[in-house]
Structures are given as structure tokens and as C-alpha cells.
Amino acid sequence: MAPRLSVIMSAYNSSGTIERAINSILNQSFTDFELIIMNDGSTDDTEAKILSFTDDRIKYHALDHAGLTKALNFGLSRAIGEIIARHDSDDWSEPERFATQMQRFDDDDDCALVASWHNVVDTDGNYLGQKRIPLDDDSLKKMLRWRNPFCHGSVAFRRSALNQTGGYNESLLYSQDYDLWVRMGASGAKFSSVP
């Protein structure tokens, strides 16, 4: 049976952070997911660290280095869940993240994207502060006109919303997430956020 959630992670020379990132996903209270990891041509020991995990929810793909945008679209093409979550290889998620986001999708059939507040840390993992964004669709869309309100690694969205707008624009090396959210918003997708 297909998992409800597909988690997409691209990694490039992420040796110092990849184990923490993967562990934070495997230790989620919500367990009905697959974790699709694309090693985007790393030249360090990122691959060895990924392969040290034996959890069968991990689907590993070694790619030639082509950049984040292409790696993410590759991951999306392999995802089978009805909900897609993003997670960066240098981030970690609180254990209730997926459960909280999935509950929001369950509570609101019209909701297409659920982001969250997020903590900011330095390169050593020391807490620097929290980024808070509005929780409702109207306020998030107003913010979207001026800047990207969402931390890419905190977002989950319905496959159906992705299918309406297509994947990430591969002509963009940066801000590929902002471009996708703008297109989703323009298509009428409803946004939400959780603390």
C-alpha cells in the first residue's frame, strides 16, 4: 500500500548534516511516509552516510550533479504519496511536524499547502530565533506578493496542487520554491501554516 506522505530531500556534499536530517525524519511520530533522497553528485562521504541507514522507507537515488531544481523534480517524479513534504539535508524537524501538518490536511480538504513556523540556527546548531508567519490563506497570499513567506524545508503540499501547476521550473537555479508557490497561489490553491 502506498504511503500517504512522500518526503523529498536533495543532498549535495551534506556530510556534516545529513545524518541529523535523516534521523529527524525517521523519528517522526507520523510514520506513514517514504523518504526519497537524491544524492546530487556529492564528492564527500554523503553517500556512505545515507547508505548507513537501513530503514526500508528510504528510497535512495544517486544522480549526476545537476543542481537542486532538477534533483527535486526527479524526486517528485518518484513520489507516490498524496502529500509531498520538503526537507533539506541541513535541516531537522521536530518529531510532531508531519503529524501536525497531516492533521491540517485532514481537517481541511481545500487546503493545498501547509507550511510552519521554523527556528533559525547557526552552522553549529545554536538557536538564534524563530520565524513566524501568518496562519491563514489571505495573509499568506498578501505576503507572497512581496516575498516568500515559506521556509522551503518546512512545506508540505498536495500532489493535486502540484499537478495543476507542474513541478519546479528547471530554468531557475534559485527561488524555485517561491516561483512554485506563486503559481500555486495563482491557480487558486489554499495555503495554511501551523505554529
C-alpha atoms as a PDB file:
ATOM      1  CA  MET A   1       0.000   0.000   0.000  1.00  0.00           C
ATOM      2  CA  ALA A   2       1.331   3.442  -0.940  1.00  0.00           C
ATOM      3  CA  PRO A   3       2.382   5.745   1.904  1.00  0.00           C
ATOM      4  CA  ARG A   4       0.280   8.868   2.430  1.00  0.00           C
ATOM      5  CA  LEU A   5       3.319  11.114   2.569  1.00  0.00           C
ATOM      6  CA  SER A   6       6.405  11.364   0.353  1.00  0.00           C
ATOM      7  CA  VAL A   7       9.331  13.314   1.800  1.00  0.00           C
ATOM      8  CA  ILE A   8      11.727  14.761  -0.775  1.00  0.00           C
ATOM      9  CA  MET A   9      15.341  15.516   0.192  1.00  0.00           C
ATOM     10  CA  SER A  10      18.192  16.527  -2.084  1.00  0.00           C
ATOM     11  CA  ALA A  11      21.735  16.297  -0.762  1.00  0.00           C
ATOM     12  CA  TYR A  12      24.958  17.765  -2.114  1.00  0.00           C
ATOM     13  CA  ASN A  13      28.136  17.466  -0.037  1.00  0.00           C
ATOM     14  CA  SER A  14      25.988  17.250   3.093  1.00  0.00           C
ATOM     15  CA  SER A  15      28.268  15.008   5.137  1.00  0.00           C
ATOM     16  CA  GLY A  16      28.121  17.188   8.240  1.00  0.00           C
ATOM     17  CA  THR A  17      24.331  17.406   8.482  1.00  0.00           C
ATOM     18  CA  ILE A  18      22.723  14.543   6.546  1.00  0.00           C
ATOM     19  CA  GLU A  19      22.578  12.056   9.435  1.00  0.00           C
ATOM     20  CA  ARG A  20      20.819  14.534  11.721  1.00  0.00           C
ATOM     21  CA  ALA A  21      18.367  15.409   8.943  1.00  0.00           C
ATOM     22  CA  ILE A  22      17.520  11.771   8.198  1.00  0.00           C
ATOM     23  CA  ASN A  23      17.172  10.878  11.882  1.00  0.00           C
ATOM     24  CA  SER A  24      14.747  13.752  12.411  1.00  0.00           C
ATOM     25  CA  ILE A  25      12.525  12.276   9.701  1.00  0.00           C
ATOM     26  CA  LEU A  26      12.785   8.663  10.822  1.00  0.00           C
ATOM     27  CA  ASN A  27      11.885   9.738  14.376  1.00  0.00           C
ATOM     28  CA  GLN A  28       8.621  11.432  13.386  1.00  0.00           C
ATOM     29  CA  SER A  29       5.501  10.391  15.320  1.00  0.00           C
ATOM     30  CA  PHE A  30       3.689  10.132  11.963  1.00  0.00           C
ATOM     31  CA  THR A  31       5.206   7.071  10.287  1.00  0.00           C
ATOM     32  CA  ASP A  32       3.238   6.501   7.052  1.00  0.00           C
ATOM     33  CA  PHE A  33       5.814   8.017   4.704  1.00  0.00           C
ATOM     34  CA  GLU A  34       8.576   7.300   2.237  1.00  0.00           C
ATOM     35  CA  LEU A  35      11.792   9.321   2.280  1.00  0.00           C
ATOM     36  CA  ILE A  36      13.187   9.925  -1.188  1.00  0.00           C
ATOM     37  CA  ILE A  37      16.812  11.066  -1.040  1.00  0.00           C
ATOM     38  CA  MET A  38      18.598  12.289  -4.143  1.00  0.00           C
ATOM     39  CA  ASN A  39      22.375  12.468  -3.813  1.00  0.00           C
ATOM     40  CA  ASP A  40      23.098  15.236  -6.312  1.00  0.00           C
ATOM     41  CA  GLY A  41      26.627  14.143  -7.256  1.00  0.00           C
ATOM     42  CA  SER A  42      28.256  14.694  -3.853  1.00  0.00           C
ATOM     43  CA  THR A  43      32.044  14.414  -3.770  1.00  0.00           C
ATOM     44  CA  ASP A  44      32.335  13.853   0.001  1.00  0.00           C
ATOM     45  CA  ASP A  45      31.070  10.890   2.035  1.00  0.00           C
ATOM     46  CA  THR A  46      27.403  11.923   1.892  1.00  0.00           C
ATOM     47  CA  GLU A  47      26.528   8.711   0.049  1.00  0.00           C
ATOM     48  CA  ALA A  48      28.160   6.469   2.655  1.00  0.00           C
ATOM     49  CA  LYS A  49      26.292   8.231   5.444  1.00  0.00           C
ATOM     50  CA  ILE A  50      22.960   7.855   3.636  1.00  0.00           C
ATOM     51  CA  LEU A  51      23.606   4.182   2.902  1.00  0.00           C
ATOM     52  CA  SER A  52      24.389   3.528   6.571  1.00  0.00           C
ATOM     53  CA  PHE A  53      20.640   3.776   7.252  1.00  0.00           C
ATOM     54  CA  THR A  54      18.705   0.536   6.786  1.00  0.00           C
ATOM     55  CA  ASP A  55      15.121   1.810   7.183  1.00  0.00           C
ATOM     56  CA  ASP A  56      13.089   0.467   4.246  1.00  0.00           C
ATOM     57  CA  ARG A  57      11.149   3.742   3.981  1.00  0.00           C
ATOM     58  CA  ILE A  58      14.283   5.341   2.496  1.00  0.00           C
ATOM     59  CA  LYS A  59      14.425   5.341  -1.315  1.00  0.00           C
ATOM     60  CA  TYR A  60      17.931   6.347  -2.386  1.00  0.00           C
ATOM     61  CA  HIS A  61      18.924   7.714  -5.803  1.00  0.00           C
ATOM     62  CA  ALA A  62      22.473   8.625  -6.837  1.00  0.00           C
ATOM     63  CA  LEU A  63      22.373  11.347  -9.501  1.00  0.00           C
ATOM     64  CA  ASP A  64      24.953  13.161 -11.567  1.00  0.00           C
ATOM     65  CA  HIS A  65      25.312  16.697 -10.217  1.00  0.00           C
ATOM     66  CA  ALA A  66      22.647  18.811 -11.903  1.00  0.00           C
ATOM     67  CA  GLY A  67      21.586  21.207  -9.152  1.00  0.00           C
ATOM     68  CA  LEU A  68      18.772  21.402  -6.631  1.00  0.00           C
ATOM     69  CA  THR A  69      15.918  22.184  -9.012  1.00  0.00           C
ATOM     70  CA  LYS A  70      16.467  19.176 -11.259  1.00  0.00           C
ATOM     71  CA  ALA A  71      17.084  16.904  -8.284  1.00  0.00           C
ATOM     72  CA  LEU A  72      13.787  17.990  -6.711  1.00  0.00           C
ATOM     73  CA  ASN A  73      11.849  17.314  -9.910  1.00  0.00           C
ATOM     74  CA  PHE A  74      13.476  13.896 -10.103  1.00  0.00           C
ATOM     75  CA  GLY A  75      12.297  13.207  -6.558  1.00  0.00           C
ATOM     76  CA  LEU A  76       8.786  14.407  -7.343  1.00  0.00           C
ATOM     77  CA  SER A  77       8.662  12.049 -10.322  1.00  0.00           C
ATOM     78  CA  ARG A  78       9.360   9.126  -7.957  1.00  0.00           C
ATOM     79  CA  ALA A  79       6.997  10.197  -5.164  1.00  0.00           C
ATOM     80  CA  ILE A  80       3.849   8.120  -4.653  1.00  0.00           C
ATOM     81  CA  GLY A  81       2.243   9.822  -1.637  1.00  0.00           C
ATOM     82  CA  GLU A  82      -0.840  12.033  -1.869  1.00  0.00           C
ATOM     83  CA  ILE A  83       1.035  14.645   0.180  1.00  0.00           C
ATOM     84  CA  ILE A  84       4.589  15.796  -0.625  1.00  0.00           C
ATOM     85  CA  ALA A  85       6.826  17.236   2.106  1.00  0.00           C
ATOM     86  CA  ARG A  86      10.123  19.020   1.571  1.00  0.00           C
ATOM     87  CA  HIS A  87      13.062  18.586   3.864  1.00  0.00           C
ATOM     88  CA  ASP A  88      16.549  19.969   3.322  1.00  0.00           C
ATOM     89  CA  SER A  89      19.645  17.935   4.090  1.00  0.00           C
ATOM     90  CA  ASP A  90      20.899  20.571   6.552  1.00  0.00           C
ATOM     91  CA  ASP A  91      17.611  20.949   8.446  1.00  0.00           C
ATOM     92  CA  TRP A  92      15.917  18.903  11.117  1.00  0.00           C
ATOM     93  CA  SER A  93      12.244  18.659  12.022  1.00  0.00           C
ATOM     94  CA  GLU A  94      10.543  18.420  15.384  1.00  0.00           C
ATOM     95  CA  PRO A  95       9.017  14.949  15.978  1.00  0.00           C
ATOM     96  CA  GLU A  96       5.408  16.194  15.587  1.00  0.00           C
ATOM     97  CA  ARG A  97       5.958  18.128  12.355  1.00  0.00           C
ATOM     98  CA  PHE A  98       4.401  15.627   9.934  1.00  0.00           C
ATOM     99  CA  ALA A  99       1.582  14.667  12.323  1.00  0.00           C
ATOM    100  CA  THR A 100       0.634  18.335  12.738  1.00  0.00           C
ATOM    101  CA  GLN A 101       0.732  19.078   9.016  1.00  0.00           C
ATOM    102  CA  MET A 102      -1.171  15.919   8.075  1.00  0.00           C
ATOM    103  CA  GLN A 103      -3.845  16.782  10.653  1.00  0.00           C
ATOM    104  CA  ARG A 104      -4.301  20.174   8.983  1.00  0.00           C
ATOM    105  CA  PHE A 105      -4.791  18.472   5.605  1.00  0.00           C
ATOM    106  CA  ASP A 106      -7.281  16.056   7.191  1.00  0.00           C
ATOM    107  CA  ASP A 107      -9.198  18.925   8.806  1.00  0.00           C
ATOM    108  CA  ASP A 108      -9.455  20.985   5.606  1.00  0.00           C
ATOM    109  CA  ASP A 109      -9.949  19.203   2.291  1.00  0.00           C
ATOM    110  CA  ASP A 110      -9.475  22.511   0.445  1.00  0.00           C
ATOM    111  CA  CYS A 111      -6.043  23.174   1.929  1.00  0.00           C
ATOM    112  CA  ALA A 112      -3.339  22.633  -0.708  1.00  0.00           C
ATOM    113  CA  LEU A 113      -0.187  23.656   1.181  1.00  0.00           C
ATOM    114  CA  VAL A 114       0.746  23.646   4.863  1.00  0.00           C
ATOM    115  CA  ALA A 115       3.923  25.396   5.976  1.00  0.00           C
ATOM    116  CA  SER A 116       5.095  26.017   9.520  1.00  0.00           C
ATOM    117  CA  TRP A 117       6.941  28.407  11.706  1.00  0.00           C
ATOM    118  CA  HIS A 118      10.597  27.488  11.960  1.00  0.00           C
ATOM    119  CA  ASN A 119      13.574  28.002  14.196  1.00  0.00           C
ATOM    120  CA  VAL A 120      16.754  29.580  12.866  1.00  0.00           C
ATOM    121  CA  VAL A 121      20.130  28.206  13.963  1.00  0.00           C
ATOM    122  CA  ASP A 122      23.750  28.913  13.168  1.00  0.00           C
ATOM    123  CA  THR A 123      26.103  26.421  11.495  1.00  0.00           C
ATOM    124  CA  ASP A 124      26.773  24.769  14.876  1.00  0.00           C
ATOM    125  CA  GLY A 125      23.063  24.270  15.553  1.00  0.00           C
ATOM    126  CA  ASN A 126      22.771  27.022  18.160  1.00  0.00           C
ATOM    127  CA  TYR A 127      19.289  28.557  18.385  1.00  0.00           C
ATOM    128  CA  LEU A 128      19.102  32.128  17.055  1.00  0.00           C
ATOM    129  CA  GLY A 129      15.363  32.768  16.975  1.00  0.00           C
ATOM    130  CA  GLN A 130      12.042  31.778  15.473  1.00  0.00           C
ATOM    131  CA  LYS A 131      10.496  32.859  12.166  1.00  0.00           C
ATOM    132  CA  ARG A 132       6.742  33.193  12.449  1.00  0.00           C
ATOM    133  CA  ILE A 133       4.407  33.622   9.512  1.00  0.00           C
ATOM    134  CA  PRO A 134       0.636  34.145   9.327  1.00  0.00           C
ATOM    135  CA  LEU A 135      -1.541  31.053   9.690  1.00  0.00           C
ATOM    136  CA  ASP A 136      -4.353  31.922   7.257  1.00  0.00           C
ATOM    137  CA  ASP A 137      -4.628  31.856   3.469  1.00  0.00           C
ATOM    138  CA  ASP A 138      -5.442  35.555   2.915  1.00  0.00           C
ATOM    139  CA  SER A 139      -2.496  36.827   4.945  1.00  0.00           C
ATOM    140  CA  LEU A 140      -0.081  34.329   3.403  1.00  0.00           C
ATOM    141  CA  LYS A 141      -1.147  35.320  -0.108  1.00  0.00           C
ATOM    142  CA  LYS A 142      -0.708  39.013   0.696  1.00  0.00           C
ATOM    143  CA  MET A 143       2.809  38.288   1.962  1.00  0.00           C
ATOM    144  CA  LEU A 144       3.526  36.169  -1.119  1.00  0.00           C
ATOM    145  CA  ARG A 145       3.134  39.299  -3.305  1.00  0.00           C
ATOM    146  CA  TRP A 146       6.209  40.853  -1.682  1.00  0.00           C
ATOM    147  CA  ARG A 147       8.347  37.952  -0.511  1.00  0.00           C
ATOM    148  CA  ASN A 148       8.405  34.228   0.013  1.00  0.00           C
ATOM    149  CA  PRO A 149       6.674  33.564   3.354  1.00  0.00           C
ATOM    150  CA  PHE A 150       7.603  29.874   3.470  1.00  0.00           C
ATOM    151  CA  CYS A 151      10.764  28.118   4.579  1.00  0.00           C
ATOM    152  CA  HIS A 152      11.165  25.592   1.768  1.00  0.00           C
ATOM    153  CA  GLY A 153      12.185  22.789   4.121  1.00  0.00           C
ATOM    154  CA  SER A 154       9.029  23.233   6.222  1.00  0.00           C
ATOM    155  CA  VAL A 155       6.429  22.946   3.455  1.00  0.00           C
ATOM    156  CA  ALA A 156       4.056  20.080   2.634  1.00  0.00           C
ATOM    157  CA  PHE A 157       1.600  20.200  -0.262  1.00  0.00           C
ATOM    158  CA  ARG A 158      -0.980  18.065  -2.004  1.00  0.00           C
ATOM    159  CA  ARG A 159       0.056  16.199  -5.129  1.00  0.00           C
ATOM    160  CA  SER A 160      -3.133  17.505  -6.773  1.00  0.00           C
ATOM    161  CA  ALA A 161      -1.937  21.121  -6.333  1.00  0.00           C
ATOM    162  CA  LEU A 162       1.414  20.196  -7.843  1.00  0.00           C
ATOM    163  CA  ASN A 163      -0.287  18.510 -10.798  1.00  0.00           C
ATOM    164  CA  GLN A 164      -2.257  21.703 -11.515  1.00  0.00           C
ATOM    165  CA  THR A 165       0.866  23.847 -11.737  1.00  0.00           C
ATOM    166  CA  GLY A 166       3.671  21.477 -12.718  1.00  0.00           C
ATOM    167  CA  GLY A 167       6.888  20.938 -10.815  1.00  0.00           C
ATOM    168  CA  TYR A 168       9.790  23.246 -10.143  1.00  0.00           C
ATOM    169  CA  ASN A 169      10.908  25.468 -13.029  1.00  0.00           C
ATOM    170  CA  GLU A 170      14.271  23.999 -14.067  1.00  0.00           C
ATOM    171  CA  SER A 171      15.402  27.258 -15.650  1.00  0.00           C
ATOM    172  CA  LEU A 172      15.693  28.666 -12.112  1.00  0.00           C
ATOM    173  CA  LEU A 173      18.785  27.937 -10.032  1.00  0.00           C
ATOM    174  CA  TYR A 174      17.420  29.888  -7.057  1.00  0.00           C
ATOM    175  CA  SER A 175      13.955  30.799  -5.741  1.00  0.00           C
ATOM    176  CA  GLN A 176      12.462  27.759  -7.459  1.00  0.00           C
ATOM    177  CA  ASP A 177      10.234  27.297  -4.431  1.00  0.00           C
ATOM    178  CA  TYR A 178       8.955  30.896  -4.481  1.00  0.00           C
ATOM    179  CA  ASP A 179       8.100  30.507  -8.168  1.00  0.00           C
ATOM    180  CA  LEU A 180       6.149  27.307  -7.445  1.00  0.00           C
ATOM    181  CA  TRP A 181       4.170  28.885  -4.585  1.00  0.00           C
ATOM    182  CA  VAL A 182       3.293  31.906  -6.739  1.00  0.00           C
ATOM    183  CA  ARG A 183       1.997  29.591  -9.468  1.00  0.00           C
ATOM    184  CA  MET A 184       0.051  27.545  -6.923  1.00  0.00           C
ATOM    185  CA  GLY A 185      -1.485  30.684  -5.450  1.00  0.00           C
ATOM    186  CA  ALA A 186      -2.429  31.956  -8.898  1.00  0.00           C
ATOM    187  CA  SER A 187      -4.195  28.654  -9.595  1.00  0.00           C
ATOM    188  CA  GLY A 188      -6.403  29.163  -6.534  1.00  0.00           C
ATOM    189  CA  ALA A 189      -4.587  26.827  -4.146  1.00  0.00           C
ATOM    190  CA  LYS A 190      -5.387  27.463  -0.469  1.00  0.00           C
ATOM    191  CA  PHE A 191      -2.416  27.981   1.858  1.00  0.00           C
ATOM    192  CA  SER A 192      -2.104  27.417   5.581  1.00  0.00           C
ATOM    193  CA  SER A 193       0.570  27.426   8.243  1.00  0.00           C
ATOM    194  CA  VAL A 194       0.950  25.847  11.666  1.00  0.00           C
ATOM    195  CA  PRO A 195       2.940  27.111  14.652  1.00  0.00           C
END
